[in-house]
């Protein structure tokens, strides 16, 4: 993003004309001389990107490999901006991506920060993400799918189209399914609109592998495959502490120990959804805390209102000797 008075990208020393934003029609008239020097550390867009990456670090625990890959993409585009200043043309890098991982591993959050980063570097016009699923793209009768898909693409134009559980677009067992029509439209738009649109496909790793294997044309257009691992027990405990603090609560010592034990049990049960399940568990702790406080029938102080105790945690059905199937977390 250009700011008045800023040298962009980077401070330039040597014989050079006035700086201009990459992609500006007048940029060709302001190419740097061969002996010019660009200081990337003063690139305004680079500062915006670093701010976005810092937010990502603050928002998401762990995910070191994901964060490293995001930084690599940022570095690639930053260097491309610098090369353009010298008239060093190269093929515009493809930014279509695949995010694979279980539920609650931060895929949507990373997509949002990726959009901000790509916008700051001038790759897309808008720092927005339009999220869709199969139901938003696939029609129920002939002639219905194309308009739905093109409407979604229009809403995402200039930004990022995030397709969650993308593998549901492909249903080879049903020859009358219209999902393949969506894929064909996406293939065309991903190529024709690569300068104005980024598509991110997301879903479980094994199903995404099958999806891309069955659609090699689609796979070849996705340059960045990023894996989101499940969180460890310690990472989930840290996430819980952050979530509690953000809501102006705290675990007392006994509650922290109880929640650690809760995670051990819950992680071994079906349908565990990482940070999403942690969020649900904390919400239920708050419900039990509220019920406990109301039944104290006494005046309440600040400490009462912000403290979650071990009883608020142990009230979960996870601790029951024989929990029933489908019981609440």
C-alpha atoms as a PDB file:
ATOM      1  CA  UNK A   1       0.000   0.000   0.000  1.00  0.00           C
ATOM      2  CA  UNK A   2       1.431   3.334  -1.054  1.00  0.00           C
ATOM      3  CA  UNK A   3       1.732   6.204   1.380  1.00  0.00           C
ATOM      4  CA  UNK A   4       2.512   9.817   0.433  1.00  0.00           C
ATOM      5  CA  UNK A   5       6.170  10.642   0.782  1.00  0.00           C
ATOM      6  CA  UNK A   6       7.279   7.030   1.082  1.00  0.00           C
ATOM      7  CA  UNK A   7       9.917   5.460  -1.142  1.00  0.00           C
ATOM      8  CA  UNK A   8       8.429   2.260  -2.465  1.00  0.00           C
ATOM      9  CA  UNK A   9       9.572  -0.495  -2.532  1.00  0.00           C
ATOM     10  CA  UNK A  10      12.531   0.257  -0.310  1.00  0.00           C
ATOM     11  CA  UNK A  11      14.866   3.173  -0.012  1.00  0.00           C
ATOM     12  CA  UNK A  12      16.835   3.664  -3.219  1.00  0.00           C
ATOM     13  CA  UNK A  13      20.415   4.899  -3.468  1.00  0.00           C
ATOM     14  CA  UNK A  14      22.309   5.663  -6.662  1.00  0.00           C
ATOM     15  CA  UNK A  15      21.183   6.995  -9.998  1.00  0.00           C
ATOM     16  CA  UNK A  16      17.424   6.476  -9.922  1.00  0.00           C
ATOM     17  CA  UNK A  17      14.214   8.123 -10.953  1.00  0.00           C
ATOM     18  CA  UNK A  18      11.265   8.732  -8.651  1.00  0.00           C
ATOM     19  CA  UNK A  19       9.825   5.581  -7.083  1.00  0.00           C
ATOM     20  CA  UNK A  20       6.468   4.207  -8.284  1.00  0.00           C
ATOM     21  CA  UNK A  21       4.147   1.451  -7.197  1.00  0.00           C
ATOM     22  CA  UNK A  22       4.644  -1.856  -9.071  1.00  0.00           C
ATOM     23  CA  UNK A  23       1.788  -2.361 -11.461  1.00  0.00           C
ATOM     24  CA  UNK A  24       1.433   1.384 -12.085  1.00  0.00           C
ATOM     25  CA  UNK A  25       1.167   2.062 -15.858  1.00  0.00           C
ATOM     26  CA  UNK A  26       3.827   4.722 -15.428  1.00  0.00           C
ATOM     27  CA  UNK A  27       6.250   2.301 -13.753  1.00  0.00           C
ATOM     28  CA  UNK A  28       8.113   1.635 -17.000  1.00  0.00           C
ATOM     29  CA  UNK A  29       9.040   5.311 -17.134  1.00  0.00           C
ATOM     30  CA  UNK A  30      10.621   5.155 -13.678  1.00  0.00           C
ATOM     31  CA  UNK A  31      12.891   2.118 -13.873  1.00  0.00           C
ATOM     32  CA  UNK A  32      15.942   2.189 -11.639  1.00  0.00           C
ATOM     33  CA  UNK A  33      19.432   2.375 -13.054  1.00  0.00           C
ATOM     34  CA  UNK A  34      21.576  -0.748 -12.921  1.00  0.00           C
ATOM     35  CA  UNK A  35      23.719   0.738 -10.144  1.00  0.00           C
ATOM     36  CA  UNK A  36      20.774   1.644  -7.903  1.00  0.00           C
ATOM     37  CA  UNK A  37      20.269  -0.113  -4.568  1.00  0.00           C
ATOM     38  CA  UNK A  38      16.985  -1.024  -2.898  1.00  0.00           C
ATOM     39  CA  UNK A  39      16.721  -1.338   0.879  1.00  0.00           C
ATOM     40  CA  UNK A  40      13.946  -3.884   1.441  1.00  0.00           C
ATOM     41  CA  UNK A  41      13.779  -3.105   5.153  1.00  0.00           C
ATOM     42  CA  UNK A  42      12.183   0.265   4.392  1.00  0.00           C
ATOM     43  CA  UNK A  43       9.570  -1.057   1.961  1.00  0.00           C
ATOM     44  CA  UNK A  44       6.214   0.260   3.176  1.00  0.00           C
ATOM     45  CA  UNK A  45       4.405  -2.812   1.857  1.00  0.00           C
ATOM     46  CA  UNK A  46       6.961  -4.985   3.631  1.00  0.00           C
ATOM     47  CA  UNK A  47       6.130  -3.238   6.894  1.00  0.00           C
ATOM     48  CA  UNK A  48       2.416  -3.884   6.344  1.00  0.00           C
ATOM     49  CA  UNK A  49       3.196  -7.544   5.652  1.00  0.00           C
ATOM     50  CA  UNK A  50       5.319  -7.822   8.794  1.00  0.00           C
ATOM     51  CA  UNK A  51       2.466  -6.350  10.827  1.00  0.00           C
ATOM     52  CA  UNK A  52       0.121  -8.963   9.351  1.00  0.00           C
ATOM     53  CA  UNK A  53       2.549 -11.784  10.114  1.00  0.00           C
ATOM     54  CA  UNK A  54       2.918 -10.521  13.675  1.00  0.00           C
ATOM     55  CA  UNK A  55      -0.859 -10.675  14.071  1.00  0.00           C
ATOM     56  CA  UNK A  56      -0.781 -14.226  12.754  1.00  0.00           C
ATOM     57  CA  UNK A  57       1.804 -15.174  15.388  1.00  0.00           C
ATOM     58  CA  UNK A  58      -0.347 -13.607  18.096  1.00  0.00           C
ATOM     59  CA  UNK A  59      -3.570 -15.236  16.918  1.00  0.00           C
ATOM     60  CA  UNK A  60      -2.336 -18.767  16.325  1.00  0.00           C
ATOM     61  CA  UNK A  61      -0.336 -20.986  18.668  1.00  0.00           C
ATOM     62  CA  UNK A  62       2.191 -23.313  17.019  1.00  0.00           C
ATOM     63  CA  UNK A  63       1.836 -23.996  13.272  1.00  0.00           C
ATOM     64  CA  UNK A  64       5.526 -23.211  12.726  1.00  0.00           C
ATOM     65  CA  UNK A  65       5.592 -24.838   9.282  1.00  0.00           C
ATOM     66  CA  UNK A  66       2.502 -22.933   8.156  1.00  0.00           C
ATOM     67  CA  UNK A  67       3.886 -19.606   9.333  1.00  0.00           C
ATOM     68  CA  UNK A  68       7.231 -20.313   7.658  1.00  0.00           C
ATOM     69  CA  UNK A  69       5.496 -21.050   4.350  1.00  0.00           C
ATOM     70  CA  UNK A  70       3.475 -17.833   4.580  1.00  0.00           C
ATOM     71  CA  UNK A  71       6.693 -15.881   5.159  1.00  0.00           C
ATOM     72  CA  UNK A  72       8.300 -17.558   2.146  1.00  0.00           C
ATOM     73  CA  UNK A  73       5.379 -16.492  -0.050  1.00  0.00           C
ATOM     74  CA  UNK A  74       5.678 -12.949   1.288  1.00  0.00           C
ATOM     75  CA  UNK A  75       9.420 -12.923   0.528  1.00  0.00           C
ATOM     76  CA  UNK A  76       8.822 -14.143  -3.036  1.00  0.00           C
ATOM     77  CA  UNK A  77       6.372 -11.337  -3.776  1.00  0.00           C
ATOM     78  CA  UNK A  78       8.535  -8.729  -2.060  1.00  0.00           C
ATOM     79  CA  UNK A  79      11.516  -9.672  -4.213  1.00  0.00           C
ATOM     80  CA  UNK A  80       9.314  -9.669  -7.329  1.00  0.00           C
ATOM     81  CA  UNK A  81       8.374  -6.061  -6.488  1.00  0.00           C
ATOM     82  CA  UNK A  82      12.041  -5.145  -6.243  1.00  0.00           C
ATOM     83  CA  UNK A  83      12.887  -6.902  -9.528  1.00  0.00           C
ATOM     84  CA  UNK A  84      10.109  -5.036 -11.286  1.00  0.00           C
ATOM     85  CA  UNK A  85      11.716  -1.742 -10.253  1.00  0.00           C
ATOM     86  CA  UNK A  86      14.752  -2.734 -12.315  1.00  0.00           C
ATOM     87  CA  UNK A  87      12.687  -3.879 -15.285  1.00  0.00           C
ATOM     88  CA  UNK A  88      13.451  -7.543 -14.584  1.00  0.00           C
ATOM     89  CA  UNK A  89      10.313  -9.135 -15.926  1.00  0.00           C
ATOM     90  CA  UNK A  90       9.269 -12.620 -14.854  1.00  0.00           C
ATOM     91  CA  UNK A  91       6.126 -14.717 -14.952  1.00  0.00           C
ATOM     92  CA  UNK A  92       3.657 -13.598 -12.325  1.00  0.00           C
ATOM     93  CA  UNK A  93       3.765 -16.287  -9.595  1.00  0.00           C
ATOM     94  CA  UNK A  94       0.599 -18.311  -9.136  1.00  0.00           C
ATOM     95  CA  UNK A  95      -0.945 -17.913  -5.700  1.00  0.00           C
ATOM     96  CA  UNK A  96      -3.738 -20.506  -5.817  1.00  0.00           C
ATOM     97  CA  UNK A  97      -3.415 -22.690  -2.702  1.00  0.00           C
ATOM     98  CA  UNK A  98      -4.525 -25.808  -0.914  1.00  0.00           C
ATOM     99  CA  UNK A  99      -4.944 -25.818   2.882  1.00  0.00           C
ATOM    100  CA  UNK A 100      -5.172 -29.338   4.300  1.00  0.00           C
ATOM    101  CA  UNK A 101      -5.838 -30.170   7.932  1.00  0.00           C
ATOM    102  CA  UNK A 102      -8.428 -31.132  10.475  1.00  0.00           C
ATOM    103  CA  UNK A 103     -11.137 -28.827  11.817  1.00  0.00           C
ATOM    104  CA  UNK A 104     -10.090 -26.027  14.127  1.00  0.00           C
ATOM    105  CA  UNK A 105      -6.473 -25.880  12.960  1.00  0.00           C
ATOM    106  CA  UNK A 106      -6.516 -22.249  11.814  1.00  0.00           C
ATOM    107  CA  UNK A 107      -7.091 -22.578   8.070  1.00  0.00           C
ATOM    108  CA  UNK A 108      -9.674 -19.787   7.887  1.00  0.00           C
ATOM    109  CA  UNK A 109      -7.577 -17.429  10.022  1.00  0.00           C
ATOM    110  CA  UNK A 110      -4.520 -17.987   7.816  1.00  0.00           C
ATOM    111  CA  UNK A 111      -6.657 -17.365   4.704  1.00  0.00           C
ATOM    112  CA  UNK A 112      -7.737 -13.998   6.124  1.00  0.00           C
ATOM    113  CA  UNK A 113      -4.165 -12.973   6.927  1.00  0.00           C
ATOM    114  CA  UNK A 114      -2.988 -14.250   3.535  1.00  0.00           C
ATOM    115  CA  UNK A 115      -5.526 -11.975   1.837  1.00  0.00           C
ATOM    116  CA  UNK A 116      -4.243  -8.997   3.821  1.00  0.00           C
ATOM    117  CA  UNK A 117      -0.665  -9.842   2.915  1.00  0.00           C
ATOM    118  CA  UNK A 118      -1.354 -10.324  -0.807  1.00  0.00           C
ATOM    119  CA  UNK A 119      -3.240  -7.038  -0.866  1.00  0.00           C
ATOM    120  CA  UNK A 120      -0.394  -5.180   0.850  1.00  0.00           C
ATOM    121  CA  UNK A 121       1.999  -6.500  -1.792  1.00  0.00           C
ATOM    122  CA  UNK A 122      -0.281  -5.441  -4.637  1.00  0.00           C
ATOM    123  CA  UNK A 123      -1.126  -8.964  -5.742  1.00  0.00           C
ATOM    124  CA  UNK A 124      -4.888  -8.615  -5.204  1.00  0.00           C
ATOM    125  CA  UNK A 125      -7.079  -5.486  -5.141  1.00  0.00           C
ATOM    126  CA  UNK A 126      -9.038  -6.223  -1.977  1.00  0.00           C
ATOM    127  CA  UNK A 127      -7.993  -7.778   1.365  1.00  0.00           C
ATOM    128  CA  UNK A 128     -11.127  -9.889   1.546  1.00  0.00           C
ATOM    129  CA  UNK A 129     -12.015 -13.583   1.663  1.00  0.00           C
ATOM    130  CA  UNK A 130     -15.286 -14.934   0.299  1.00  0.00           C
ATOM    131  CA  UNK A 131     -15.924 -18.360   1.859  1.00  0.00           C
ATOM    132  CA  UNK A 132     -18.107 -20.928   0.104  1.00  0.00           C
ATOM    133  CA  UNK A 133     -19.004 -24.605   0.305  1.00  0.00           C
ATOM    134  CA  UNK A 134     -20.495 -27.025  -2.193  1.00  0.00           C
ATOM    135  CA  UNK A 135     -24.015 -25.739  -1.531  1.00  0.00           C
ATOM    136  CA  UNK A 136     -22.972 -22.240  -2.630  1.00  0.00           C
ATOM    137  CA  UNK A 137     -21.621 -23.492  -5.962  1.00  0.00           C
ATOM    138  CA  UNK A 138     -23.497 -26.591  -7.121  1.00  0.00           C
ATOM    139  CA  UNK A 139     -26.999 -26.279  -8.503  1.00  0.00           C
ATOM    140  CA  UNK A 140     -29.823 -28.768  -8.152  1.00  0.00           C
ATOM    141  CA  UNK A 141     -30.894 -28.830 -11.763  1.00  0.00           C
ATOM    142  CA  UNK A 142     -29.512 -28.262 -15.271  1.00  0.00           C
ATOM    143  CA  UNK A 143     -28.501 -24.671 -15.884  1.00  0.00           C
ATOM    144  CA  UNK A 144     -28.394 -23.777 -12.186  1.00  0.00           C
ATOM    145  CA  UNK A 145     -24.732 -24.490 -11.387  1.00  0.00           C
ATOM    146  CA  UNK A 146     -22.984 -22.049 -13.719  1.00  0.00           C
ATOM    147  CA  UNK A 147     -24.848 -18.953 -12.449  1.00  0.00           C
ATOM    148  CA  UNK A 148     -24.251 -19.940  -8.807  1.00  0.00           C
ATOM    149  CA  UNK A 149     -20.545 -20.521  -9.376  1.00  0.00           C
ATOM    150  CA  UNK A 150     -20.098 -17.316 -11.357  1.00  0.00           C
ATOM    151  CA  UNK A 151     -21.932 -15.359  -8.660  1.00  0.00           C
ATOM    152  CA  UNK A 152     -19.476 -16.684  -6.059  1.00  0.00           C
ATOM    153  CA  UNK A 153     -16.551 -15.805  -8.306  1.00  0.00           C
ATOM    154  CA  UNK A 154     -17.929 -12.294  -8.790  1.00  0.00           C
ATOM    155  CA  UNK A 155     -18.185 -11.803  -5.020  1.00  0.00           C
ATOM    156  CA  UNK A 156     -14.590 -12.956  -4.604  1.00  0.00           C
ATOM    157  CA  UNK A 157     -13.228 -10.923  -7.546  1.00  0.00           C
ATOM    158  CA  UNK A 158     -10.159  -8.954  -6.620  1.00  0.00           C
ATOM    159  CA  UNK A 159      -9.678 -11.031  -3.470  1.00  0.00           C
ATOM    160  CA  UNK A 160      -9.664 -14.630  -2.267  1.00  0.00           C
ATOM    161  CA  UNK A 161     -12.236 -17.364  -2.881  1.00  0.00           C
ATOM    162  CA  UNK A 162     -11.998 -19.875  -0.023  1.00  0.00           C
ATOM    163  CA  UNK A 163     -13.672 -23.205  -0.834  1.00  0.00           C
ATOM    164  CA  UNK A 164     -14.166 -25.191   2.367  1.00  0.00           C
ATOM    165  CA  UNK A 165     -14.398 -28.981   2.158  1.00  0.00           C
ATOM    166  CA  UNK A 166     -13.637 -28.667  -1.543  1.00  0.00           C
ATOM    167  CA  UNK A 167     -13.648 -32.441  -2.119  1.00  0.00           C
ATOM    168  CA  UNK A 168     -17.451 -32.453  -1.908  1.00  0.00           C
ATOM    169  CA  UNK A 169     -17.422 -30.852  -5.354  1.00  0.00           C
ATOM    170  CA  UNK A 170     -16.291 -34.205  -6.768  1.00  0.00           C
ATOM    171  CA  UNK A 171     -18.768 -37.069  -6.523  1.00  0.00           C
ATOM    172  CA  UNK A 172     -17.827 -39.651  -9.152  1.00  0.00           C
ATOM    173  CA  UNK A 173     -20.367 -42.133  -7.789  1.00  0.00           C
ATOM    174  CA  UNK A 174     -23.166 -39.875  -9.039  1.00  0.00           C
ATOM    175  CA  UNK A 175     -22.965 -39.390 -12.804  1.00  0.00           C
ATOM    176  CA  UNK A 176     -25.750 -36.784 -12.666  1.00  0.00           C
ATOM    177  CA  UNK A 177     -23.948 -34.630 -10.101  1.00  0.00           C
ATOM    178  CA  UNK A 178     -23.159 -31.079 -11.202  1.00  0.00           C
ATOM    179  CA  UNK A 179     -20.002 -30.654  -9.131  1.00  0.00           C
ATOM    180  CA  UNK A 180     -17.799 -31.393 -12.138  1.00  0.00           C
ATOM    181  CA  UNK A 181     -19.267 -28.368 -13.878  1.00  0.00           C
ATOM    182  CA  UNK A 182     -18.056 -26.205 -10.975  1.00  0.00           C
ATOM    183  CA  UNK A 183     -14.562 -27.639 -11.312  1.00  0.00           C
ATOM    184  CA  UNK A 184     -14.504 -26.894 -15.043  1.00  0.00           C
ATOM    185  CA  UNK A 185     -15.564 -23.286 -14.439  1.00  0.00           C
ATOM    186  CA  UNK A 186     -12.968 -22.897 -11.695  1.00  0.00           C
ATOM    187  CA  UNK A 187     -10.243 -24.257 -13.976  1.00  0.00           C
ATOM    188  CA  UNK A 188     -11.048 -21.622 -16.567  1.00  0.00           C
ATOM    189  CA  UNK A 189     -11.331 -18.738 -14.108  1.00  0.00           C
ATOM    190  CA  UNK A 190      -8.178 -19.692 -12.183  1.00  0.00           C
ATOM    191  CA  UNK A 191      -6.234 -19.387 -15.415  1.00  0.00           C
ATOM    192  CA  UNK A 192      -7.995 -16.426 -17.028  1.00  0.00           C
ATOM    193  CA  UNK A 193      -8.349 -14.351 -13.848  1.00  0.00           C
ATOM    194  CA  UNK A 194      -5.087 -15.284 -12.160  1.00  0.00           C
ATOM    195  CA  UNK A 195      -4.166 -11.584 -11.944  1.00  0.00           C
ATOM    196  CA  UNK A 196      -7.312 -10.668 -10.014  1.00  0.00           C
ATOM    197  CA  UNK A 197      -8.308 -13.782  -8.068  1.00  0.00           C
ATOM    198  CA  UNK A 198      -6.747 -16.277  -5.652  1.00  0.00           C
ATOM    199  CA  UNK A 199      -8.553 -19.564  -4.972  1.00  0.00           C
ATOM    200  CA  UNK A 200      -7.861 -21.535  -1.799  1.00  0.00           C
ATOM    201  CA  UNK A 201      -9.136 -25.128  -1.560  1.00  0.00           C
ATOM    202  CA  UNK A 202      -9.454 -26.451   1.996  1.00  0.00           C
ATOM    203  CA  UNK A 203     -10.317 -29.739   3.660  1.00  0.00           C
ATOM    204  CA  UNK A 204      -9.128 -32.940   5.303  1.00  0.00           C
ATOM    205  CA  UNK A 205      -5.738 -34.193   3.987  1.00  0.00           C
ATOM    206  CA  UNK A 206      -6.762 -37.667   2.758  1.00  0.00           C
ATOM    207  CA  UNK A 207      -9.889 -36.451   0.978  1.00  0.00           C
ATOM    208  CA  UNK A 208      -8.060 -33.522  -0.595  1.00  0.00           C
ATOM    209  CA  UNK A 209      -5.435 -35.915  -1.945  1.00  0.00           C
ATOM    210  CA  UNK A 210      -8.169 -37.950  -3.622  1.00  0.00           C
ATOM    211  CA  UNK A 211      -9.811 -34.781  -4.924  1.00  0.00           C
ATOM    212  CA  UNK A 212      -6.643 -33.489  -6.586  1.00  0.00           C
ATOM    213  CA  UNK A 213      -5.665 -36.931  -7.899  1.00  0.00           C
ATOM    214  CA  UNK A 214      -9.009 -37.148  -9.691  1.00  0.00           C
ATOM    215  CA  UNK A 215      -8.622 -33.626 -11.092  1.00  0.00           C
ATOM    216  CA  UNK A 216      -5.009 -33.271 -12.291  1.00  0.00           C
ATOM    217  CA  UNK A 217      -5.789 -30.086 -14.217  1.00  0.00           C
ATOM    218  CA  UNK A 218      -6.868 -28.478 -10.977  1.00  0.00           C
ATOM    219  CA  UNK A 219      -3.872 -29.739  -9.032  1.00  0.00           C
ATOM    220  CA  UNK A 220      -1.465 -28.322 -11.607  1.00  0.00           C
ATOM    221  CA  UNK A 221      -2.888 -24.844 -11.067  1.00  0.00           C
ATOM    222  CA  UNK A 222      -2.413 -24.968  -7.282  1.00  0.00           C
ATOM    223  CA  UNK A 223       1.122 -23.820  -6.548  1.00  0.00           C
ATOM    224  CA  UNK A 224       1.098 -23.879  -2.765  1.00  0.00           C
ATOM    225  CA  UNK A 225       0.001 -26.895  -0.748  1.00  0.00           C
ATOM    226  CA  UNK A 226       0.104 -26.058   2.963  1.00  0.00           C
ATOM    227  CA  UNK A 227      -0.526 -28.658   5.667  1.00  0.00           C
ATOM    228  CA  UNK A 228      -2.082 -27.685   9.002  1.00  0.00           C
ATOM    229  CA  UNK A 229      -1.188 -30.291  11.650  1.00  0.00           C
ATOM    230  CA  UNK A 230      -3.385 -31.096  14.621  1.00  0.00           C
ATOM    231  CA  UNK A 231      -2.413 -29.236  17.771  1.00  0.00           C
ATOM    232  CA  UNK A 232      -0.546 -30.998  20.565  1.00  0.00           C
ATOM    233  CA  UNK A 233      -1.941 -31.216  24.088  1.00  0.00           C
ATOM    234  CA  UNK A 234       0.372 -28.446  25.322  1.00  0.00           C
ATOM    235  CA  UNK A 235      -0.554 -26.194  22.391  1.00  0.00           C
ATOM    236  CA  UNK A 236      -4.252 -26.715  23.056  1.00  0.00           C
ATOM    237  CA  UNK A 237      -3.756 -25.870  26.724  1.00  0.00           C
ATOM    238  CA  UNK A 238      -2.013 -22.657  25.695  1.00  0.00           C
ATOM    239  CA  UNK A 239      -4.848 -21.886  23.276  1.00  0.00           C
ATOM    240  CA  UNK A 240      -7.350 -22.396  26.098  1.00  0.00           C
ATOM    241  CA  UNK A 241      -5.444 -20.007  28.361  1.00  0.00           C
ATOM    242  CA  UNK A 242      -5.409 -17.371  25.621  1.00  0.00           C
ATOM    243  CA  UNK A 243      -9.106 -17.781  24.903  1.00  0.00           C
ATOM    244  CA  UNK A 244      -9.987 -17.499  28.590  1.00  0.00           C
ATOM    245  CA  UNK A 245      -7.849 -14.377  29.001  1.00  0.00           C
ATOM    246  CA  UNK A 246      -9.356 -12.754  25.911  1.00  0.00           C
ATOM    247  CA  UNK A 247     -12.806 -13.112  27.484  1.00  0.00           C
ATOM    248  CA  UNK A 248     -11.593 -11.603  30.792  1.00  0.00           C
ATOM    249  CA  UNK A 249     -11.698 -14.878  32.693  1.00  0.00           C
ATOM    250  CA  UNK A 250      -8.978 -16.973  34.297  1.00  0.00           C
ATOM    251  CA  UNK A 251      -8.499 -20.562  35.427  1.00  0.00           C
ATOM    252  CA  UNK A 252      -7.551 -20.956  39.058  1.00  0.00           C
ATOM    253  CA  UNK A 253      -4.767 -23.468  39.685  1.00  0.00           C
ATOM    254  CA  UNK A 254      -7.093 -26.405  40.203  1.00  0.00           C
ATOM    255  CA  UNK A 255      -9.138 -25.495  37.120  1.00  0.00           C
ATOM    256  CA  UNK A 256      -6.007 -25.346  34.941  1.00  0.00           C
ATOM    257  CA  UNK A 257      -5.063 -28.856  36.060  1.00  0.00           C
ATOM    258  CA  UNK A 258      -8.619 -30.060  35.477  1.00  0.00           C
ATOM    259  CA  UNK A 259      -8.731 -28.588  31.976  1.00  0.00           C
ATOM    260  CA  UNK A 260      -5.409 -30.251  31.141  1.00  0.00           C
ATOM    261  CA  UNK A 261      -6.963 -33.578  32.127  1.00  0.00           C
ATOM    262  CA  UNK A 262     -10.104 -32.697  30.160  1.00  0.00           C
ATOM    263  CA  UNK A 263      -8.022 -32.241  27.024  1.00  0.00           C
ATOM    264  CA  UNK A 264      -6.341 -35.623  27.457  1.00  0.00           C
ATOM    265  CA  UNK A 265      -9.734 -37.308  27.587  1.00  0.00           C
ATOM    266  CA  UNK A 266     -11.437 -35.204  24.910  1.00  0.00           C
ATOM    267  CA  UNK A 267      -8.625 -35.600  22.383  1.00  0.00           C
ATOM    268  CA  UNK A 268      -9.121 -39.371  22.504  1.00  0.00           C
ATOM    269  CA  UNK A 269     -12.817 -39.136  21.747  1.00  0.00           C
ATOM    270  CA  UNK A 270     -14.484 -38.914  18.315  1.00  0.00           C
ATOM    271  CA  UNK A 271     -15.119 -35.640  16.489  1.00  0.00           C
ATOM    272  CA  UNK A 272     -12.424 -33.679  18.282  1.00  0.00           C
ATOM    273  CA  UNK A 273     -11.940 -30.381  16.433  1.00  0.00           C
ATOM    274  CA  UNK A 274      -8.774 -28.877  17.902  1.00  0.00           C
ATOM    275  CA  UNK A 275      -9.173 -25.182  18.796  1.00  0.00           C
ATOM    276  CA  UNK A 276     -12.867 -25.322  17.903  1.00  0.00           C
ATOM    277  CA  UNK A 277     -13.462 -27.995  20.549  1.00  0.00           C
ATOM    278  CA  UNK A 278     -11.447 -25.970  23.039  1.00  0.00           C
ATOM    279  CA  UNK A 279     -13.679 -22.977  22.374  1.00  0.00           C
ATOM    280  CA  UNK A 280     -16.799 -25.096  22.881  1.00  0.00           C
ATOM    281  CA  UNK A 281     -15.414 -26.507  26.142  1.00  0.00           C
ATOM    282  CA  UNK A 282     -14.672 -23.044  27.505  1.00  0.00           C
ATOM    283  CA  UNK A 283     -18.153 -21.844  26.599  1.00  0.00           C
ATOM    284  CA  UNK A 284     -19.601 -24.734  28.598  1.00  0.00           C
ATOM    285  CA  UNK A 285     -17.291 -23.949  31.514  1.00  0.00           C
ATOM    286  CA  UNK A 286     -18.712 -20.441  31.500  1.00  0.00           C
ATOM    287  CA  UNK A 287     -22.254 -21.816  31.547  1.00  0.00           C
ATOM    288  CA  UNK A 288     -21.441 -23.978  34.554  1.00  0.00           C
ATOM    289  CA  UNK A 289     -19.677 -21.062  36.265  1.00  0.00           C
ATOM    290  CA  UNK A 290     -22.707 -18.822  35.755  1.00  0.00           C
ATOM    291  CA  UNK A 291     -25.039 -21.458  37.147  1.00  0.00           C
ATOM    292  CA  UNK A 292     -22.744 -21.987  40.133  1.00  0.00           C
ATOM    293  CA  UNK A 293     -22.550 -18.269  40.930  1.00  0.00           C
ATOM    294  CA  UNK A 294     -26.303 -17.726  40.660  1.00  0.00           C
ATOM    295  CA  UNK A 295     -26.896 -20.527  43.163  1.00  0.00           C
ATOM    296  CA  UNK A 296     -24.463 -19.082  45.702  1.00  0.00           C
ATOM    297  CA  UNK A 297     -27.185 -16.624  46.745  1.00  0.00           C
ATOM    298  CA  UNK A 298     -24.679 -14.062  47.942  1.00  0.00           C
ATOM    299  CA  UNK A 299     -22.999 -10.875  46.791  1.00  0.00           C
ATOM    300  CA  UNK A 300     -20.350 -11.402  44.105  1.00  0.00           C
ATOM    301  CA  UNK A 301     -17.007  -9.716  43.702  1.00  0.00           C
ATOM    302  CA  UNK A 302     -14.796  -9.270  40.670  1.00  0.00           C
ATOM    303  CA  UNK A 303     -12.787 -12.369  41.539  1.00  0.00           C
ATOM    304  CA  UNK A 304     -15.949 -14.453  41.569  1.00  0.00           C
ATOM    305  CA  UNK A 305     -16.975 -13.191  38.137  1.00  0.00           C
ATOM    306  CA  UNK A 306     -13.679 -13.832  36.375  1.00  0.00           C
ATOM    307  CA  UNK A 307     -12.583 -17.113  37.978  1.00  0.00           C
ATOM    308  CA  UNK A 308     -13.283 -20.536  36.492  1.00  0.00           C
ATOM    309  CA  UNK A 309     -12.857 -23.290  39.099  1.00  0.00           C
ATOM    310  CA  UNK A 310     -12.198 -26.987  38.792  1.00  0.00           C
ATOM    311  CA  UNK A 311     -15.887 -27.701  39.429  1.00  0.00           C
ATOM    312  CA  UNK A 312     -16.720 -25.708  36.308  1.00  0.00           C
ATOM    313  CA  UNK A 313     -14.450 -28.032  34.342  1.00  0.00           C
ATOM    314  CA  UNK A 314     -15.286 -31.348  36.012  1.00  0.00           C
ATOM    315  CA  UNK A 315     -18.952 -30.815  35.247  1.00  0.00           C
ATOM    316  CA  UNK A 316     -18.217 -31.966  31.686  1.00  0.00           C
ATOM    317  CA  UNK A 317     -19.645 -35.320  30.607  1.00  0.00           C
ATOM    318  CA  UNK A 318     -16.151 -36.217  29.371  1.00  0.00           C
ATOM    319  CA  UNK A 319     -15.296 -37.103  32.963  1.00  0.00           C
ATOM    320  CA  UNK A 320     -18.204 -39.499  33.373  1.00  0.00           C
ATOM    321  CA  UNK A 321     -17.243 -43.143  33.803  1.00  0.00           C
ATOM    322  CA  UNK A 322     -19.417 -44.204  30.879  1.00  0.00           C
ATOM    323  CA  UNK A 323     -20.257 -41.150  28.778  1.00  0.00           C
ATOM    324  CA  UNK A 324     -23.162 -41.596  26.422  1.00  0.00           C
ATOM    325  CA  UNK A 325     -22.621 -41.267  22.674  1.00  0.00           C
ATOM    326  CA  UNK A 326     -23.169 -37.715  21.474  1.00  0.00           C
ATOM    327  CA  UNK A 327     -23.057 -36.217  24.978  1.00  0.00           C
ATOM    328  CA  UNK A 328     -21.980 -32.609  25.265  1.00  0.00           C
ATOM    329  CA  UNK A 329     -18.306 -31.768  25.651  1.00  0.00           C
END
